[in-house]
C-alpha cells in the first residue's frame, strides 16, 4: 500500500517439533505463553500473600499454599469460559448447527471475555467453598493477570494472527498469508497492517500490569478490597475498546454493507463485538474503584 512498512520477521508458531511413534508433537509459542503466564501469576500471588502488611488488618485472605489449588480452578475457568464465550459471542449459529465441534478446542476459537467470566465464576466458587472474602481473592487474582496477557498477545503476533486493519503508518507490518494480504490494494502492492497484538501487549500487559503492581506495593491498594479488581476491569476494558478501532474485525461480522464488522450499528456508526463486551467491564471497574473501602470485607 505504501513504500514504508515493516516486514514480518521469520517466525513460526512452533518452538520445536518431535516425532514419537509415528505422530508429531509440537511445543507452540502460544502454549508456552500460557504456561509461563500461569507460573508468573502463581509467584505473584504467593508473594502478595506472604506479605501480611499488604492486606486489611494485616491478615491475608488465604494461605500461600492454597494458590496452587486455586490455579487449578482458574485454569478450568479459562478453558471452559474462553471456549463457550467464543461459541456464544462470536459464532452461535455455526456451533448450534455443529455442536460436536464445540469440544474441539485445539481447532481454535477462544474469547477473552468468556475466559474472564469463567475465571470470575471459578474464583467465586472457590471463595464460597473456602469461606474467603470475595473481593480480596478477586484483587489477588486480578493483579497477577497482565503478565499472561502480555505474553499471550506477543504469541498472537508471533503466530501472525489477530492483526489489525490496513494502515500506511511507517510501523505497519506486512503479515504473511492470503487473508492478511487481501485488503483491496493495487496488484503487486504489499498490504501493511496495524500490529494490534503489540498495541494490546503494551496496554493490557505492560502498562496495566505496572499500574497494578504500583498500586499494590506503593499505594497499599489491597487494603481497600475491590480497588485492584476495579482498575484491572476498567483498564483492560478501556485498552481493548481503543485497540478495537484498528483491529481487524471478526470475519463473521463483515459483509459488503458492514465492512467494518460492527456487531451493533445505527446509521453506519456502531461498535464491534469486542467493544460491546468491554463496556460492562469498564462500568463495573469504575463502580468498584469508586466504592473501594478500607474496612475488611465480611467473609462470604
C-alpha atoms as a PDB file:
ATOM      1  CA  UNK A   1       0.000   0.000   0.000  1.00  0.00           C
ATOM      2  CA  UNK A   2       2.962   2.316   0.562  1.00  0.00           C
ATOM      3  CA  UNK A   3       6.744   2.382   0.450  1.00  0.00           C
ATOM      4  CA  UNK A   4       7.346   2.277   4.202  1.00  0.00           C
ATOM      5  CA  UNK A   5       6.362  -0.766   6.240  1.00  0.00           C
ATOM      6  CA  UNK A   6       7.901  -3.436   8.442  1.00  0.00           C
ATOM      7  CA  UNK A   7       8.315  -6.907   7.023  1.00  0.00           C
ATOM      8  CA  UNK A   8       7.022  -9.645   9.314  1.00  0.00           C
ATOM      9  CA  UNK A   9      10.032 -11.415  10.858  1.00  0.00           C
ATOM     10  CA  UNK A  10      10.865 -15.014  10.068  1.00  0.00           C
ATOM     11  CA  UNK A  11       8.885 -16.569  12.931  1.00  0.00           C
ATOM     12  CA  UNK A  12       6.984 -19.837  13.227  1.00  0.00           C
ATOM     13  CA  UNK A  13       4.206 -20.855  15.669  1.00  0.00           C
ATOM     14  CA  UNK A  14       6.217 -23.880  16.861  1.00  0.00           C
ATOM     15  CA  UNK A  15       9.263 -23.731  19.098  1.00  0.00           C
ATOM     16  CA  UNK A  16      10.173 -27.308  18.213  1.00  0.00           C
ATOM     17  CA  UNK A  17       8.517 -30.436  16.890  1.00  0.00           C
ATOM     18  CA  UNK A  18       9.328 -34.037  17.762  1.00  0.00           C
ATOM     19  CA  UNK A  19       8.060 -37.279  16.290  1.00  0.00           C
ATOM     20  CA  UNK A  20       7.108 -40.178  18.535  1.00  0.00           C
ATOM     21  CA  UNK A  21       5.601 -43.465  17.385  1.00  0.00           C
ATOM     22  CA  UNK A  22       4.631 -42.027  14.033  1.00  0.00           C
ATOM     23  CA  UNK A  23       2.955 -38.896  15.446  1.00  0.00           C
ATOM     24  CA  UNK A  24       4.272 -35.367  15.640  1.00  0.00           C
ATOM     25  CA  UNK A  25       4.153 -33.331  18.841  1.00  0.00           C
ATOM     26  CA  UNK A  26       4.916 -29.618  18.834  1.00  0.00           C
ATOM     27  CA  UNK A  27       5.503 -27.063  21.551  1.00  0.00           C
ATOM     28  CA  UNK A  28       3.951 -23.807  20.346  1.00  0.00           C
ATOM     29  CA  UNK A  29       4.746 -20.284  21.488  1.00  0.00           C
ATOM     30  CA  UNK A  30       1.104 -19.761  22.427  1.00  0.00           C
ATOM     31  CA  UNK A  31       1.129 -22.779  24.740  1.00  0.00           C
ATOM     32  CA  UNK A  32       4.399 -21.609  26.273  1.00  0.00           C
ATOM     33  CA  UNK A  33       2.858 -18.162  26.832  1.00  0.00           C
ATOM     34  CA  UNK A  34       0.025 -19.771  28.809  1.00  0.00           C
ATOM     35  CA  UNK A  35       2.450 -21.878  30.862  1.00  0.00           C
ATOM     36  CA  UNK A  36       4.824 -19.025  31.697  1.00  0.00           C
ATOM     37  CA  UNK A  37       1.907 -16.665  32.361  1.00  0.00           C
ATOM     38  CA  UNK A  38       0.419 -19.117  34.856  1.00  0.00           C
ATOM     39  CA  UNK A  39       3.779 -19.598  36.608  1.00  0.00           C
ATOM     40  CA  UNK A  40       4.266 -15.826  36.917  1.00  0.00           C
ATOM     41  CA  UNK A  41       0.717 -15.410  38.232  1.00  0.00           C
ATOM     42  CA  UNK A  42       1.359 -18.149  40.800  1.00  0.00           C
ATOM     43  CA  UNK A  43       4.541 -16.491  42.054  1.00  0.00           C
ATOM     44  CA  UNK A  44       2.950 -13.019  42.196  1.00  0.00           C
ATOM     45  CA  UNK A  45       0.016 -14.375  44.204  1.00  0.00           C
ATOM     46  CA  UNK A  46       2.292 -16.220  46.623  1.00  0.00           C
ATOM     47  CA  UNK A  47       4.488 -13.124  47.066  1.00  0.00           C
ATOM     48  CA  UNK A  48       1.465 -10.949  47.905  1.00  0.00           C
ATOM     49  CA  UNK A  49       0.041 -13.479  50.381  1.00  0.00           C
ATOM     50  CA  UNK A  50       3.375 -13.732  52.180  1.00  0.00           C
ATOM     51  CA  UNK A  51       3.275 -10.012  52.974  1.00  0.00           C
ATOM     52  CA  UNK A  52       0.512  -9.587  55.558  1.00  0.00           C
ATOM     53  CA  UNK A  53       1.022  -5.802  55.690  1.00  0.00           C
ATOM     54  CA  UNK A  54      -0.496  -5.544  52.211  1.00  0.00           C
ATOM     55  CA  UNK A  55      -3.891  -6.785  53.405  1.00  0.00           C
ATOM     56  CA  UNK A  56      -6.696  -5.355  55.597  1.00  0.00           C
ATOM     57  CA  UNK A  57      -5.842  -5.866  59.251  1.00  0.00           C
ATOM     58  CA  UNK A  58      -2.521  -7.451  58.191  1.00  0.00           C
ATOM     59  CA  UNK A  59      -4.496 -10.632  57.502  1.00  0.00           C
ATOM     60  CA  UNK A  60      -4.127 -12.255  54.056  1.00  0.00           C
ATOM     61  CA  UNK A  61      -7.415 -13.778  52.792  1.00  0.00           C
ATOM     62  CA  UNK A  62      -5.886 -17.225  52.237  1.00  0.00           C
ATOM     63  CA  UNK A  63      -2.688 -19.200  52.718  1.00  0.00           C
ATOM     64  CA  UNK A  64       0.049 -19.172  50.125  1.00  0.00           C
ATOM     65  CA  UNK A  65      -0.183 -22.968  49.932  1.00  0.00           C
ATOM     66  CA  UNK A  66      -3.748 -22.655  48.621  1.00  0.00           C
ATOM     67  CA  UNK A  67      -2.694 -20.811  45.459  1.00  0.00           C
ATOM     68  CA  UNK A  68      -1.893 -23.996  43.541  1.00  0.00           C
ATOM     69  CA  UNK A  69      -5.379 -25.342  44.270  1.00  0.00           C
ATOM     70  CA  UNK A  70      -6.934 -22.034  43.200  1.00  0.00           C
ATOM     71  CA  UNK A  71      -4.933 -22.100  39.951  1.00  0.00           C
ATOM     72  CA  UNK A  72      -6.488 -25.439  39.017  1.00  0.00           C
ATOM     73  CA  UNK A  73      -9.945 -23.895  39.308  1.00  0.00           C
ATOM     74  CA  UNK A  74      -8.853 -20.831  37.336  1.00  0.00           C
ATOM     75  CA  UNK A  75      -7.306 -22.866  34.502  1.00  0.00           C
ATOM     76  CA  UNK A  76     -10.567 -24.773  34.096  1.00  0.00           C
ATOM     77  CA  UNK A  77     -12.448 -21.475  34.138  1.00  0.00           C
ATOM     78  CA  UNK A  78     -10.194 -20.012  31.427  1.00  0.00           C
ATOM     79  CA  UNK A  79     -10.555 -23.022  29.125  1.00  0.00           C
ATOM     80  CA  UNK A  80     -14.285 -23.624  29.548  1.00  0.00           C
ATOM     81  CA  UNK A  81     -15.231 -19.954  29.724  1.00  0.00           C
ATOM     82  CA  UNK A  82     -12.988 -18.946  26.838  1.00  0.00           C
ATOM     83  CA  UNK A  83     -14.388 -21.626  24.561  1.00  0.00           C
ATOM     84  CA  UNK A  84     -18.040 -21.149  25.492  1.00  0.00           C
ATOM     85  CA  UNK A  85     -17.601 -17.384  25.232  1.00  0.00           C
ATOM     86  CA  UNK A  86     -16.320 -17.735  21.672  1.00  0.00           C
ATOM     87  CA  UNK A  87     -19.195 -20.049  20.795  1.00  0.00           C
ATOM     88  CA  UNK A  88     -21.881 -17.774  22.270  1.00  0.00           C
ATOM     89  CA  UNK A  89     -20.447 -14.341  21.429  1.00  0.00           C
ATOM     90  CA  UNK A  90     -18.915 -14.876  18.001  1.00  0.00           C
ATOM     91  CA  UNK A  91     -20.317 -17.927  16.171  1.00  0.00           C
ATOM     92  CA  UNK A  92     -23.510 -19.156  17.904  1.00  0.00           C
ATOM     93  CA  UNK A  93     -25.215 -20.077  14.631  1.00  0.00           C
ATOM     94  CA  UNK A  94     -22.346 -22.215  13.386  1.00  0.00           C
ATOM     95  CA  UNK A  95     -21.924 -24.151  16.626  1.00  0.00           C
ATOM     96  CA  UNK A  96     -25.668 -24.577  17.049  1.00  0.00           C
ATOM     97  CA  UNK A  97     -25.601 -26.371  13.705  1.00  0.00           C
ATOM     98  CA  UNK A  98     -22.373 -28.244  14.598  1.00  0.00           C
ATOM     99  CA  UNK A  99     -22.488 -28.850  18.373  1.00  0.00           C
ATOM    100  CA  UNK A 100     -19.858 -31.620  18.252  1.00  0.00           C
ATOM    101  CA  UNK A 101     -17.224 -29.048  17.251  1.00  0.00           C
ATOM    102  CA  UNK A 102     -17.680 -27.070  20.473  1.00  0.00           C
ATOM    103  CA  UNK A 103     -15.343 -29.507  22.214  1.00  0.00           C
ATOM    104  CA  UNK A 104     -12.627 -29.212  19.545  1.00  0.00           C
ATOM    105  CA  UNK A 105     -10.657 -26.538  21.364  1.00  0.00           C
ATOM    106  CA  UNK A 106      -7.470 -27.492  19.525  1.00  0.00           C
ATOM    107  CA  UNK A 107      -9.014 -26.135  16.315  1.00  0.00           C
ATOM    108  CA  UNK A 108      -9.016 -22.609  17.746  1.00  0.00           C
ATOM    109  CA  UNK A 109     -11.647 -20.189  18.899  1.00  0.00           C
ATOM    110  CA  UNK A 110     -11.273 -18.721  22.391  1.00  0.00           C
ATOM    111  CA  UNK A 111     -12.712 -15.437  23.664  1.00  0.00           C
ATOM    112  CA  UNK A 112     -11.011 -13.393  26.363  1.00  0.00           C
ATOM    113  CA  UNK A 113     -14.279 -12.043  27.729  1.00  0.00           C
ATOM    114  CA  UNK A 114     -15.627 -15.585  28.027  1.00  0.00           C
ATOM    115  CA  UNK A 115     -12.439 -16.684  29.748  1.00  0.00           C
ATOM    116  CA  UNK A 116     -12.784 -13.762  32.144  1.00  0.00           C
ATOM    117  CA  UNK A 117     -16.316 -14.817  33.043  1.00  0.00           C
ATOM    118  CA  UNK A 118     -15.035 -18.349  33.564  1.00  0.00           C
ATOM    119  CA  UNK A 119     -12.296 -17.094  35.909  1.00  0.00           C
ATOM    120  CA  UNK A 120     -14.799 -14.959  37.835  1.00  0.00           C
ATOM    121  CA  UNK A 121     -17.140 -17.918  38.308  1.00  0.00           C
ATOM    122  CA  UNK A 122     -14.312 -20.300  39.259  1.00  0.00           C
ATOM    123  CA  UNK A 123     -12.849 -17.801  41.745  1.00  0.00           C
ATOM    124  CA  UNK A 124     -16.271 -17.057  43.265  1.00  0.00           C
ATOM    125  CA  UNK A 125     -16.992 -20.776  43.729  1.00  0.00           C
ATOM    126  CA  UNK A 126     -13.555 -21.324  45.279  1.00  0.00           C
ATOM    127  CA  UNK A 127     -14.088 -18.398  47.657  1.00  0.00           C
ATOM    128  CA  UNK A 128     -17.520 -19.710  48.587  1.00  0.00           C
ATOM    129  CA  UNK A 129     -16.198 -23.193  49.254  1.00  0.00           C
ATOM    130  CA  UNK A 130     -13.297 -21.994  51.429  1.00  0.00           C
ATOM    131  CA  UNK A 131     -15.042 -19.023  53.078  1.00  0.00           C
ATOM    132  CA  UNK A 132     -12.660 -16.454  51.572  1.00  0.00           C
ATOM    133  CA  UNK A 133     -13.649 -12.771  51.160  1.00  0.00           C
ATOM    134  CA  UNK A 134     -14.673 -12.478  47.525  1.00  0.00           C
ATOM    135  CA  UNK A 135     -13.305  -9.041  46.723  1.00  0.00           C
ATOM    136  CA  UNK A 136      -9.969  -9.824  48.334  1.00  0.00           C
ATOM    137  CA  UNK A 137      -9.476 -13.007  46.330  1.00  0.00           C
ATOM    138  CA  UNK A 138     -10.585 -11.124  43.210  1.00  0.00           C
ATOM    139  CA  UNK A 139      -7.902  -8.493  43.877  1.00  0.00           C
ATOM    140  CA  UNK A 140      -5.331 -11.225  44.420  1.00  0.00           C
ATOM    141  CA  UNK A 141      -6.137 -12.809  41.061  1.00  0.00           C
ATOM    142  CA  UNK A 142      -6.541  -9.539  39.127  1.00  0.00           C
ATOM    143  CA  UNK A 143      -3.075  -8.198  39.865  1.00  0.00           C
ATOM    144  CA  UNK A 144      -1.469 -11.387  38.512  1.00  0.00           C
ATOM    145  CA  UNK A 145      -3.203 -11.452  35.118  1.00  0.00           C
ATOM    146  CA  UNK A 146      -1.362  -8.797  32.987  1.00  0.00           C
ATOM    147  CA  UNK A 147       1.894 -10.775  32.501  1.00  0.00           C
ATOM    148  CA  UNK A 148      -0.123 -13.573  30.920  1.00  0.00           C
ATOM    149  CA  UNK A 149      -1.922 -11.061  28.702  1.00  0.00           C
ATOM    150  CA  UNK A 150       1.419  -9.592  27.638  1.00  0.00           C
ATOM    151  CA  UNK A 151       2.844 -12.993  26.708  1.00  0.00           C
ATOM    152  CA  UNK A 152      -0.375 -14.114  25.027  1.00  0.00           C
ATOM    153  CA  UNK A 153      -0.506 -11.044  22.772  1.00  0.00           C
ATOM    154  CA  UNK A 154       3.171 -11.482  21.876  1.00  0.00           C
ATOM    155  CA  UNK A 155       2.345 -15.078  20.937  1.00  0.00           C
ATOM    156  CA  UNK A 156      -0.547 -13.805  18.772  1.00  0.00           C
ATOM    157  CA  UNK A 157       1.959 -11.598  16.933  1.00  0.00           C
ATOM    158  CA  UNK A 158       4.394 -14.487  16.600  1.00  0.00           C
ATOM    159  CA  UNK A 159       1.592 -16.597  15.103  1.00  0.00           C
ATOM    160  CA  UNK A 160       0.715 -13.779  12.641  1.00  0.00           C
ATOM    161  CA  UNK A 161      -2.905 -13.801  13.841  1.00  0.00           C
ATOM    162  CA  UNK A 162      -5.397 -11.218  15.131  1.00  0.00           C
ATOM    163  CA  UNK A 163      -3.657  -8.476  13.153  1.00  0.00           C
ATOM    164  CA  UNK A 164      -5.130  -5.031  12.668  1.00  0.00           C
ATOM    165  CA  UNK A 165      -6.686  -3.069   9.839  1.00  0.00           C
ATOM    166  CA  UNK A 166      -4.689  -1.843   6.869  1.00  0.00           C
ATOM    167  CA  UNK A 167      -2.530   1.208   7.557  1.00  0.00           C
ATOM    168  CA  UNK A 168       0.013   3.445   5.827  1.00  0.00           C
ATOM    169  CA  UNK A 169       1.797   4.284   9.067  1.00  0.00           C
ATOM    170  CA  UNK A 170       5.547   3.536   8.980  1.00  0.00           C
ATOM    171  CA  UNK A 171       5.253   0.849  11.662  1.00  0.00           C
ATOM    172  CA  UNK A 172       2.607  -1.075   9.733  1.00  0.00           C
ATOM    173  CA  UNK A 173       3.543  -4.749   9.409  1.00  0.00           C
ATOM    174  CA  UNK A 174       3.227  -6.862   6.275  1.00  0.00           C
ATOM    175  CA  UNK A 175       1.838 -10.056   7.804  1.00  0.00           C
ATOM    176  CA  UNK A 176       2.086 -13.229   5.719  1.00  0.00           C
ATOM    177  CA  UNK A 177      -0.850 -15.140   4.288  1.00  0.00           C
ATOM    178  CA  UNK A 178      -3.611 -14.520   1.767  1.00  0.00           C
ATOM    179  CA  UNK A 179      -6.066 -13.158   4.343  1.00  0.00           C
ATOM    180  CA  UNK A 180      -3.587 -10.618   5.712  1.00  0.00           C
ATOM    181  CA  UNK A 181      -2.596  -9.545   2.221  1.00  0.00           C
ATOM    182  CA  UNK A 182      -6.164  -9.095   0.986  1.00  0.00           C
ATOM    183  CA  UNK A 183      -7.082  -5.526   1.800  1.00  0.00           C
ATOM    184  CA  UNK A 184      -8.006  -4.054  -1.568  1.00  0.00           C
ATOM    185  CA  UNK A 185      -4.538  -2.823  -2.527  1.00  0.00           C
ATOM    186  CA  UNK A 186      -3.387  -2.464  -6.131  1.00  0.00           C
ATOM    187  CA  UNK A 187      -1.951  -5.511  -7.863  1.00  0.00           C
ATOM    188  CA  UNK A 188       1.610  -6.148  -6.750  1.00  0.00           C
ATOM    189  CA  UNK A 189       1.467  -3.860  -3.713  1.00  0.00           C
ATOM    190  CA  UNK A 190       2.023  -5.015  -0.151  1.00  0.00           C
ATOM    191  CA  UNK A 191      -0.730  -4.669   2.466  1.00  0.00           C
ATOM    192  CA  UNK A 192       0.673  -3.386   5.767  1.00  0.00           C
ATOM    193  CA  UNK A 193      -1.484  -3.678   8.863  1.00  0.00           C
ATOM    194  CA  UNK A 194      -1.582  -2.311  12.380  1.00  0.00           C
ATOM    195  CA  UNK A 195       0.306  -4.683  14.731  1.00  0.00           C
ATOM    196  CA  UNK A 196      -2.706  -4.574  17.055  1.00  0.00           C
ATOM    197  CA  UNK A 197      -1.369  -7.542  19.022  1.00  0.00           C
ATOM    198  CA  UNK A 198       1.589  -5.402  20.101  1.00  0.00           C
ATOM    199  CA  UNK A 199      -0.684  -2.487  20.982  1.00  0.00           C
ATOM    200  CA  UNK A 200      -2.645  -4.808  23.278  1.00  0.00           C
ATOM    201  CA  UNK A 201       0.534  -6.317  24.727  1.00  0.00           C
ATOM    202  CA  UNK A 202       1.704  -2.806  25.634  1.00  0.00           C
ATOM    203  CA  UNK A 203      -1.618  -1.522  27.038  1.00  0.00           C
ATOM    204  CA  UNK A 204      -3.185  -4.634  28.605  1.00  0.00           C
ATOM    205  CA  UNK A 205       0.027  -6.298  29.658  1.00  0.00           C
ATOM    206  CA  UNK A 206       2.934  -3.986  30.305  1.00  0.00           C
ATOM    207  CA  UNK A 207       1.266  -0.694  31.268  1.00  0.00           C
ATOM    208  CA  UNK A 208      -1.747  -2.146  33.109  1.00  0.00           C
ATOM    209  CA  UNK A 209       0.495  -4.647  34.904  1.00  0.00           C
ATOM    210  CA  UNK A 210       2.888  -1.905  36.013  1.00  0.00           C
ATOM    211  CA  UNK A 211      -0.007   0.226  37.301  1.00  0.00           C
ATOM    212  CA  UNK A 212      -1.468  -2.669  39.303  1.00  0.00           C
ATOM    213  CA  UNK A 213       1.870  -3.595  40.876  1.00  0.00           C
ATOM    214  CA  UNK A 214       2.467   0.055  41.766  1.00  0.00           C
ATOM    215  CA  UNK A 215      -0.962   0.245  43.412  1.00  0.00           C
ATOM    216  CA  UNK A 216      -0.354  -2.983  45.339  1.00  0.00           C
ATOM    217  CA  UNK A 217       3.163  -2.296  46.605  1.00  0.00           C
ATOM    218  CA  UNK A 218       3.281   1.519  46.724  1.00  0.00           C
ATOM    219  CA  UNK A 219      -0.267   2.585  47.433  1.00  0.00           C
ATOM    220  CA  UNK A 220      -1.464  -0.312  49.616  1.00  0.00           C
ATOM    221  CA  UNK A 221      -4.409  -0.928  47.298  1.00  0.00           C
ATOM    222  CA  UNK A 222      -5.030  -4.465  48.570  1.00  0.00           C
ATOM    223  CA  UNK A 223      -6.081  -2.957  51.909  1.00  0.00           C
ATOM    224  CA  UNK A 224      -9.098  -1.482  50.121  1.00  0.00           C
ATOM    225  CA  UNK A 225     -10.953  -4.502  48.665  1.00  0.00           C
ATOM    226  CA  UNK A 226     -12.168  -4.073  45.131  1.00  0.00           C
ATOM    227  CA  UNK A 227      -9.729  -1.347  44.128  1.00  0.00           C
ATOM    228  CA  UNK A 228      -7.332  -3.608  42.199  1.00  0.00           C
ATOM    229  CA  UNK A 229     -10.167  -5.558  40.590  1.00  0.00           C
ATOM    230  CA  UNK A 230     -11.816  -2.318  39.515  1.00  0.00           C
ATOM    231  CA  UNK A 231      -8.637  -0.892  37.995  1.00  0.00           C
ATOM    232  CA  UNK A 232      -7.995  -4.146  36.140  1.00  0.00           C
ATOM    233  CA  UNK A 233     -11.509  -4.361  34.697  1.00  0.00           C
ATOM    234  CA  UNK A 234     -11.655  -0.689  33.714  1.00  0.00           C
ATOM    235  CA  UNK A 235      -8.075  -0.694  32.419  1.00  0.00           C
ATOM    236  CA  UNK A 236      -8.421  -3.801  30.297  1.00  0.00           C
ATOM    237  CA  UNK A 237     -11.847  -2.756  29.038  1.00  0.00           C
ATOM    238  CA  UNK A 238     -10.619   0.704  28.035  1.00  0.00           C
ATOM    239  CA  UNK A 239      -7.479  -0.680  26.344  1.00  0.00           C
ATOM    240  CA  UNK A 240      -9.452  -3.265  24.382  1.00  0.00           C
ATOM    241  CA  UNK A 241     -12.118  -0.697  23.444  1.00  0.00           C
ATOM    242  CA  UNK A 242      -9.486   1.658  21.982  1.00  0.00           C
ATOM    243  CA  UNK A 243      -7.494  -1.015  20.128  1.00  0.00           C
ATOM    244  CA  UNK A 244     -10.696  -2.337  18.523  1.00  0.00           C
ATOM    245  CA  UNK A 245     -10.725   0.788  16.343  1.00  0.00           C
ATOM    246  CA  UNK A 246      -7.637  -0.501  14.499  1.00  0.00           C
ATOM    247  CA  UNK A 247      -8.102  -4.233  14.970  1.00  0.00           C
ATOM    248  CA  UNK A 248      -9.303  -6.280  12.010  1.00  0.00           C
ATOM    249  CA  UNK A 249     -12.964  -7.180  12.676  1.00  0.00           C
ATOM    250  CA  UNK A 250     -14.092 -10.753  13.111  1.00  0.00           C
ATOM    251  CA  UNK A 251     -14.812 -12.240   9.690  1.00  0.00           C
ATOM    252  CA  UNK A 252     -18.292 -13.428  10.631  1.00  0.00           C
ATOM    253  CA  UNK A 253     -19.415  -9.826  11.185  1.00  0.00           C
ATOM    254  CA  UNK A 254     -18.010  -8.440   7.913  1.00  0.00           C
ATOM    255  CA  UNK A 255     -20.343  -8.010   4.959  1.00  0.00           C
ATOM    256  CA  UNK A 256     -20.473  -5.780   1.908  1.00  0.00           C
ATOM    257  CA  UNK A 257     -22.872  -3.499   3.780  1.00  0.00           C
ATOM    258  CA  UNK A 258     -20.840  -3.734   7.003  1.00  0.00           C
ATOM    259  CA  UNK A 259     -17.142  -3.635   6.005  1.00  0.00           C
ATOM    260  CA  UNK A 260     -16.054  -2.522   9.494  1.00  0.00           C
ATOM    261  CA  UNK A 261     -17.529  -5.658  11.044  1.00  0.00           C
ATOM    262  CA  UNK A 262     -19.675  -3.780  13.556  1.00  0.00           C
ATOM    263  CA  UNK A 263     -21.755  -6.021  15.803  1.00  0.00           C
ATOM    264  CA  UNK A 264     -24.148  -3.145  16.578  1.00  0.00           C
ATOM    265  CA  UNK A 265     -24.687  -0.095  14.442  1.00  0.00           C
ATOM    266  CA  UNK A 266     -27.032   2.765  13.688  1.00  0.00           C
ATOM    267  CA  UNK A 267     -26.612   4.823  10.550  1.00  0.00           C
ATOM    268  CA  UNK A 268     -23.166   3.439   9.787  1.00  0.00           C
ATOM    269  CA  UNK A 269     -21.805   4.114  13.280  1.00  0.00           C
ATOM    270  CA  UNK A 270     -21.533   1.463  15.914  1.00  0.00           C
ATOM    271  CA  UNK A 271     -19.392  -0.862  17.984  1.00  0.00           C
ATOM    272  CA  UNK A 272     -17.541  -4.107  17.394  1.00  0.00           C
ATOM    273  CA  UNK A 273     -18.280  -7.177  19.482  1.00  0.00           C
ATOM    274  CA  UNK A 274     -15.060  -6.597  21.427  1.00  0.00           C
ATOM    275  CA  UNK A 275     -16.171  -3.059  22.267  1.00  0.00           C
ATOM    276  CA  UNK A 276     -19.659  -4.172  23.288  1.00  0.00           C
ATOM    277  CA  UNK A 277     -18.203  -6.772  25.633  1.00  0.00           C
ATOM    278  CA  UNK A 278     -15.714  -4.259  27.055  1.00  0.00           C
ATOM    279  CA  UNK A 279     -18.328  -1.667  28.060  1.00  0.00           C
ATOM    280  CA  UNK A 280     -19.674  -3.711  31.034  1.00  0.00           C
ATOM    281  CA  UNK A 281     -16.087  -4.282  32.179  1.00  0.00           C
ATOM    282  CA  UNK A 282     -15.409  -0.544  32.180  1.00  0.00           C
ATOM    283  CA  UNK A 283     -18.667   0.234  34.010  1.00  0.00           C
ATOM    284  CA  UNK A 284     -18.137  -2.423  36.700  1.00  0.00           C
ATOM    285  CA  UNK A 285     -14.486  -1.447  37.077  1.00  0.00           C
ATOM    286  CA  UNK A 286     -15.279   2.229  37.578  1.00  0.00           C
ATOM    287  CA  UNK A 287     -18.004   1.300  40.079  1.00  0.00           C
ATOM    288  CA  UNK A 288     -15.584  -0.831  42.131  1.00  0.00           C
ATOM    289  CA  UNK A 289     -12.914   1.874  42.150  1.00  0.00           C
ATOM    290  CA  UNK A 290     -15.403   4.496  43.329  1.00  0.00           C
ATOM    291  CA  UNK A 291     -16.786   2.307  46.114  1.00  0.00           C
ATOM    292  CA  UNK A 292     -13.479   0.953  47.405  1.00  0.00           C
ATOM    293  CA  UNK A 293     -13.281   0.888  51.161  1.00  0.00           C
ATOM    294  CA  UNK A 294     -10.598   0.388  53.784  1.00  0.00           C
ATOM    295  CA  UNK A 295     -12.635  -1.878  56.047  1.00  0.00           C
ATOM    296  CA  UNK A 296     -12.160  -5.616  55.853  1.00  0.00           C
ATOM    297  CA  UNK A 297     -14.829  -7.352  53.808  1.00  0.00           C
ATOM    298  CA  UNK A 298     -17.148  -9.732  55.684  1.00  0.00           C
ATOM    299  CA  UNK A 299     -16.309 -13.303  54.585  1.00  0.00           C
ATOM    300  CA  UNK A 300     -18.652 -14.954  52.065  1.00  0.00           C
END
